Amino acid sequence: MDYTIVKFVHILGAILIGAGLIGVWLSDLRSRQFRDLKLFAESVRNIAVFYDGVVVPGAIQLLLSGT
């Protein structure tokens, strides 16, 4: 595989991790503001979606392109 493609995929993985962690952080801040259980549960679900859908794939992509 060409070095520039691997480097691009590696940087893209780092961007995904960063964006996902910012999303987790913002969702966590919003979840602390809610007193209603349904809104709190929705915000916690958003944390799981950001983490499982963005951070973990970014970390796997970063790992695979870095090795």
Protein backbone atom coordinates (compact mmCIF):
# COMPACT_ATOMS: atom_id res chain seq x y z
CA MET A 1 0.00 0.00 0.00
CA ASP A 2 1.23 3.49 -0.76
CA TYR A 3 2.64 5.49 2.16
CA THR A 4 0.47 8.55 1.49
CA ILE A 5 -2.73 6.48 1.64
CA VAL A 6 -1.68 4.85 4.92
CA LYS A 7 -0.73 8.25 6.34
CA PHE A 8 -4.11 9.69 5.26
CA VAL A 9 -6.00 6.78 6.88
CA HIS A 10 -3.93 7.20 10.05
CA ILE A 11 -4.67 10.91 10.29
CA LEU A 12 -8.35 10.24 9.55
CA GLY A 13 -8.43 7.78 12.47
CA ALA A 14 -6.94 10.40 14.79
CA ILE A 15 -9.54 12.93 13.62
CA LEU A 16 -12.33 10.42 14.27
CA ILE A 17 -11.06 9.78 17.79
CA GLY A 18 -10.84 13.49 18.52
CA ALA A 19 -14.27 14.29 17.11
CA GLY A 20 -15.84 11.33 18.91
CA LEU A 21 -14.34 12.31 22.24
CA ILE A 22 -15.57 15.88 21.81
CA GLY A 23 -19.04 14.48 21.10
CA VAL A 24 -18.87 12.27 24.19
CA TRP A 25 -17.76 15.24 26.28
CA LEU A 26 -20.57 17.50 25.04
CA SER A 27 -23.18 14.79 25.52
CA ASP A 28 -21.88 14.23 29.04
CA LEU A 29 -22.17 17.94 29.81
CA ARG A 30 -25.75 17.96 28.51
CA SER A 31 -26.69 14.85 30.47
CA ARG A 32 -25.66 16.54 33.71
CA GLN A 33 -28.14 19.37 33.08
CA PHE A 34 -31.27 17.21 32.75
CA ARG A 35 -33.54 16.29 35.65
CA ASP A 36 -36.08 14.39 33.54
CA LEU A 37 -35.27 10.68 33.31
CA LYS A 38 -36.24 10.35 29.63
CA LEU A 39 -34.00 13.24 28.56
CA PHE A 40 -31.18 11.88 30.68
CA ALA A 41 -31.53 8.43 29.13
CA GLU A 42 -31.48 9.92 25.62
CA SER A 43 -28.33 11.85 26.41
CA VAL A 44 -26.63 8.77 27.83
CA ARG A 45 -27.61 6.88 24.67
CA ASN A 46 -25.94 9.63 22.63
CA ILE A 47 -22.76 9.10 24.64
CA ALA A 48 -22.82 5.41 23.76
CA VAL A 49 -23.48 6.17 20.08
CA PHE A 50 -20.57 8.59 19.87
CA TYR A 51 -18.24 6.24 21.69
CA ASP A 52 -19.20 3.02 19.91
CA GLY A 53 -19.82 4.61 16.53
CA VAL A 54 -16.96 7.09 16.21
CA VAL A 55 -14.25 6.67 18.86
CA VAL A 56 -13.83 2.89 18.69
CA PRO A 57 -13.73 2.68 14.85
CA GLY A 58 -11.28 5.58 14.82
CA ALA A 59 -9.06 3.80 17.33
CA ILE A 60 -9.16 0.57 15.32
CA GLN A 61 -8.37 2.47 12.14
CA LEU A 62 -5.50 4.26 13.88
CA LEU A 63 -4.14 0.97 15.20
CA LEU A 64 -4.33 -0.86 11.90
CA SER A 65 -2.79 1.94 9.86
CA GLY A 66 -0.06 2.50 12.42
CA THR A 67 1.20 -1.07 12.50
